C-alpha atoms as a PDB file:
ATOM      1  CA  MET A   1      13.091   4.792  -4.939  1.00  0.00           C
ATOM      2  CA  LYS A   2      11.342   2.162  -2.853  1.00  0.00           C
ATOM      3  CA  ILE A   3       7.570   2.601  -2.648  1.00  0.00           C
ATOM      4  CA  ILE A   4       4.859   0.745  -0.713  1.00  0.00           C
ATOM      5  CA  ILE A   5       1.565   1.158  -2.502  1.00  0.00           C
ATOM      6  CA  ASP A   6      -1.686   1.480  -0.533  1.00  0.00           C
ATOM      7  CA  THR A   7      -4.295  -1.165  -1.208  1.00  0.00           C
ATOM      8  CA  HIS A   8      -6.472   1.070  -3.365  1.00  0.00           C
ATOM      9  CA  ILE A   9      -3.445   2.000  -5.484  1.00  0.00           C
ATOM     10  CA  PHE A  10      -2.685  -1.683  -6.010  1.00  0.00           C
ATOM     11  CA  LEU A  11      -6.297  -2.413  -7.027  1.00  0.00           C
ATOM     12  CA  TRP A  12      -6.400   0.576  -9.342  1.00  0.00           C
ATOM     13  CA  ALA A  13      -3.023  -0.355 -10.893  1.00  0.00           C
ATOM     14  CA  ILE A  14      -4.278  -3.812 -11.820  1.00  0.00           C
ATOM     15  CA  SER A  15      -7.831  -2.998 -12.853  1.00  0.00           C
ATOM     16  CA  GLU A  16      -8.531   0.756 -13.159  1.00  0.00           C
ATOM     17  CA  PRO A  17      -5.260   2.608 -13.863  1.00  0.00           C
ATOM     18  CA  ASP A  18      -7.167   5.688 -15.078  1.00  0.00           C
ATOM     19  CA  LYS A  19      -8.123   6.368 -11.421  1.00  0.00           C
ATOM     20  CA  MET A  20      -4.474   7.203 -10.766  1.00  0.00           C
ATOM     21  CA  ASP A  21      -2.929  10.443 -11.924  1.00  0.00           C
ATOM     22  CA  ALA A  22      -0.169  10.462 -14.504  1.00  0.00           C
ATOM     23  CA  SER A  23       2.615  10.963 -11.948  1.00  0.00           C
ATOM     24  CA  GLN A  24       1.462   7.917  -9.959  1.00  0.00           C
ATOM     25  CA  ARG A  25       1.341   5.740 -13.077  1.00  0.00           C
ATOM     26  CA  ALA A  26       4.796   7.017 -14.066  1.00  0.00           C
ATOM     27  CA  GLN A  27       6.236   6.139 -10.642  1.00  0.00           C
ATOM     28  CA  LEU A  28       4.771   2.627 -10.820  1.00  0.00           C
ATOM     29  CA  GLU A  29       6.111   2.103 -14.316  1.00  0.00           C
ATOM     30  CA  SER A  30       9.618   3.521 -13.690  1.00  0.00           C
ATOM     31  CA  ALA A  31      12.294   0.838 -13.830  1.00  0.00           C
ATOM     32  CA  VAL A  32      14.324   2.700 -11.193  1.00  0.00           C
ATOM     33  CA  ASN A  33      11.619   2.237  -8.536  1.00  0.00           C
ATOM     34  CA  THR A  34      10.945  -0.887  -6.507  1.00  0.00           C
ATOM     35  CA  ILE A  35       7.217  -1.153  -5.911  1.00  0.00           C
ATOM     36  CA  TYR A  36       6.021  -3.156  -2.913  1.00  0.00           C
ATOM     37  CA  VAL A  37       2.643  -4.662  -2.184  1.00  0.00           C
ATOM     38  CA  SER A  38       2.492  -5.264   1.540  1.00  0.00           C
ATOM     39  CA  SER A  39       1.175  -8.484   3.021  1.00  0.00           C
ATOM     40  CA  ILE A  40      -1.214  -6.123   4.846  1.00  0.00           C
ATOM     41  CA  SER A  41      -2.839  -5.201   1.544  1.00  0.00           C
ATOM     42  CA  ILE A  42      -3.331  -8.889   0.749  1.00  0.00           C
ATOM     43  CA  VAL A  43      -4.973  -9.360   4.160  1.00  0.00           C
ATOM     44  CA  GLU A  44      -7.229  -6.359   3.576  1.00  0.00           C
ATOM     45  CA  ILE A  45      -8.305  -7.611   0.142  1.00  0.00           C
ATOM     46  CA  MET A  46      -9.069 -11.130   1.457  1.00  0.00           C
ATOM     47  CA  ILE A  47     -11.049  -9.844   4.450  1.00  0.00           C
ATOM     48  CA  LYS A  48     -13.058  -7.461   2.289  1.00  0.00           C
ATOM     49  CA  ALA A  49     -13.751 -10.299  -0.148  1.00  0.00           C
ATOM     50  CA  LEU A  50     -14.931 -12.521   2.721  1.00  0.00           C
ATOM     51  CA  LEU A  51     -17.259  -9.778   3.976  1.00  0.00           C
ATOM     52  CA  GLY A  52     -18.667  -9.237   0.466  1.00  0.00           C
ATOM     53  CA  LYS A  53     -17.263  -5.682   0.214  1.00  0.00           C
ATOM     54  CA  LEU A  54     -14.965  -6.531  -2.676  1.00  0.00           C
ATOM     55  CA  GLN A  55     -15.281  -8.945  -5.578  1.00  0.00           C
ATOM     56  CA  VAL A  56     -12.029 -10.882  -5.852  1.00  0.00           C
ATOM     57  CA  ASP A  57     -11.889 -13.328  -8.748  1.00  0.00           C
ATOM     58  CA  PHE A  58      -8.092 -13.317  -8.965  1.00  0.00           C
ATOM     59  CA  ASP A  59      -5.111 -14.307  -6.875  1.00  0.00           C
ATOM     60  CA  PRO A  60      -3.678 -10.988  -5.611  1.00  0.00           C
ATOM     61  CA  VAL A  61      -0.253 -12.496  -4.853  1.00  0.00           C
ATOM     62  CA  GLU A  62       0.047 -13.900  -8.357  1.00  0.00           C
ATOM     63  CA  VAL A  63      -1.225 -10.665  -9.948  1.00  0.00           C
ATOM     64  CA  ALA A  64       1.206  -8.565  -7.877  1.00  0.00           C
ATOM     65  CA  GLN A  65       4.138 -10.708  -8.949  1.00  0.00           C
ATOM     66  CA  LYS A  66       3.090 -10.764 -12.622  1.00  0.00           C
ATOM     67  CA  SER A  67       2.714  -6.971 -12.499  1.00  0.00           C
ATOM     68  CA  GLY A  68       6.352  -6.652 -11.425  1.00  0.00           C
ATOM     69  CA  PHE A  69       5.608  -5.679  -7.838  1.00  0.00           C
ATOM     70  CA  GLU A  70       7.564  -7.092  -4.921  1.00  0.00           C
ATOM     71  CA  LEU A  71       5.789  -8.595  -1.929  1.00  0.00           C
ATOM     72  CA  LEU A  72       6.682  -7.146   1.467  1.00  0.00           C
ATOM     73  CA  ASP A  73       5.953  -9.089   4.620  1.00  0.00           C
ATOM     74  CA  PHE A  74       4.740  -7.269   7.764  1.00  0.00           C
ATOM     75  CA  SER A  75       7.197  -8.010  10.560  1.00  0.00           C
ATOM     76  CA  ALA A  76       7.060  -8.082  14.345  1.00  0.00           C
ATOM     77  CA  GLN A  77       9.267  -4.988  14.330  1.00  0.00           C
ATOM     78  CA  ASP A  78       6.760  -3.206  12.085  1.00  0.00           C
ATOM     79  CA  ALA A  79       3.998  -4.178  14.553  1.00  0.00           C
ATOM     80  CA  MET A  80       5.901  -2.877  17.592  1.00  0.00           C
ATOM     81  CA  SER A  81       5.733   0.706  16.269  1.00  0.00           C
ATOM     82  CA  LEU A  82       1.915   0.662  16.326  1.00  0.00           C
ATOM     83  CA  LYS A  83       1.909   1.166  20.105  1.00  0.00           C
ATOM     84  CA  ASP A  84       3.327   4.673  19.875  1.00  0.00           C
ATOM     85  CA  MET A  85       1.452   5.890  16.783  1.00  0.00           C
ATOM     86  CA  PRO A  86      -1.129   8.638  17.345  1.00  0.00           C
ATOM     87  CA  PHE A  87      -4.645   7.756  16.341  1.00  0.00           C
ATOM     88  CA  HIS A  88      -5.050  10.182  13.426  1.00  0.00           C
ATOM     89  CA  HIS A  89      -6.143   7.284  11.247  1.00  0.00           C
ATOM     90  CA  LYS A  90      -8.492   4.639  12.656  1.00  0.00           C
ATOM     91  CA  ASP A  91      -8.299   2.114   9.803  1.00  0.00           C
ATOM     92  CA  PRO A  92      -6.084  -0.701  11.127  1.00  0.00           C
ATOM     93  CA  PHE A  93      -4.834  -1.715   7.664  1.00  0.00           C
ATOM     94  CA  ASP A  94      -3.728   1.824   6.856  1.00  0.00           C
ATOM     95  CA  ARG A  95      -2.116   2.181  10.295  1.00  0.00           C
ATOM     96  CA  MET A  96      -0.097  -0.980   9.617  1.00  0.00           C
ATOM     97  CA  LEU A  97       1.009   0.295   6.185  1.00  0.00           C
ATOM     98  CA  ILE A  98       2.051   3.600   7.787  1.00  0.00           C
ATOM     99  CA  ALA A  99       3.985   1.756  10.497  1.00  0.00           C
ATOM    100  CA  GLN A 100       5.691  -0.410   7.911  1.00  0.00           C
ATOM    101  CA  SER A 101       6.617   2.669   5.893  1.00  0.00           C
ATOM    102  CA  MET A 102       8.092   4.471   8.909  1.00  0.00           C
ATOM    103  CA  VAL A 103      10.012   1.495  10.336  1.00  0.00           C
ATOM    104  CA  ARG A 104      11.525   0.557   6.994  1.00  0.00           C
ATOM    105  CA  ASP A 105      11.973   4.157   5.756  1.00  0.00           C
ATOM    106  CA  ILE A 106      10.076   3.393   2.545  1.00  0.00           C
ATOM    107  CA  ALA A 107       7.817   5.953   0.913  1.00  0.00           C
ATOM    108  CA  VAL A 108       4.141   5.127   0.619  1.00  0.00           C
ATOM    109  CA  MET A 109       1.864   5.972  -2.333  1.00  0.00           C
ATOM    110  CA  THR A 110      -1.742   6.691  -1.398  1.00  0.00           C
ATOM    111  CA  ASN A 111      -4.574   9.061  -2.132  1.00  0.00           C
ATOM    112  CA  ASP A 112      -5.609   8.953   1.539  1.00  0.00           C
ATOM    113  CA  GLY A 113      -4.864  12.379   3.042  1.00  0.00           C
ATOM    114  CA  LYS A 114      -4.774  11.006   6.600  1.00  0.00           C
ATOM    115  CA  PHE A 115      -1.382   9.429   5.856  1.00  0.00           C
ATOM    116  CA  GLY A 116      -0.029  12.998   5.860  1.00  0.00           C
ATOM    117  CA  PHE A 117      -0.614  13.264   9.621  1.00  0.00           C
ATOM    118  CA  TYR A 118       2.203  10.764  10.195  1.00  0.00           C
ATOM    119  CA  ASP A 119       5.934  11.030   9.854  1.00  0.00           C
ATOM    120  CA  CYS A 120       6.142   8.721   6.866  1.00  0.00           C
ATOM    121  CA  LYS A 121       7.610   9.534   3.477  1.00  0.00           C
ATOM    122  CA  MET A 122       4.941   9.905   0.825  1.00  0.00           C
ATOM    123  CA  VAL A 123       4.870   9.839  -2.941  1.00  0.00           C
ATOM    124  CA  LEU A 124       2.683  12.843  -3.679  1.00  0.00           C
ATOM    125  CA  SER A 125       0.483  13.001  -6.742  1.00  0.00           C
ATOM    126  CA  THR A 126       0.501  16.076  -8.890  1.00  0.00           C
END
């Protein structure tokens, strides 16, 4: 299965894996799954670091690659779908991840319940 991980899942996976439930960790560790870190998550991390909301003393691109995750660029086609998305979720980073998930038909792993208001595939925790 192909899975885009939400930013908080990426951060937990690399620094606090105990915050994820066992099924999430198993999905991330499964060799049959391709796990993507979106360029949107890298943008979110860098902006939050700039604003002092997140301490970033690592290179998230390098860490993602060393962790076995694939990087997924946000495309113009992904962006085009934002126009027609309802405003259930106001966070622009999450809206872009949802759009990317829907356009590319890739499941998304998150603990954010607002993702469920959209027609995107989700990897549900147990």
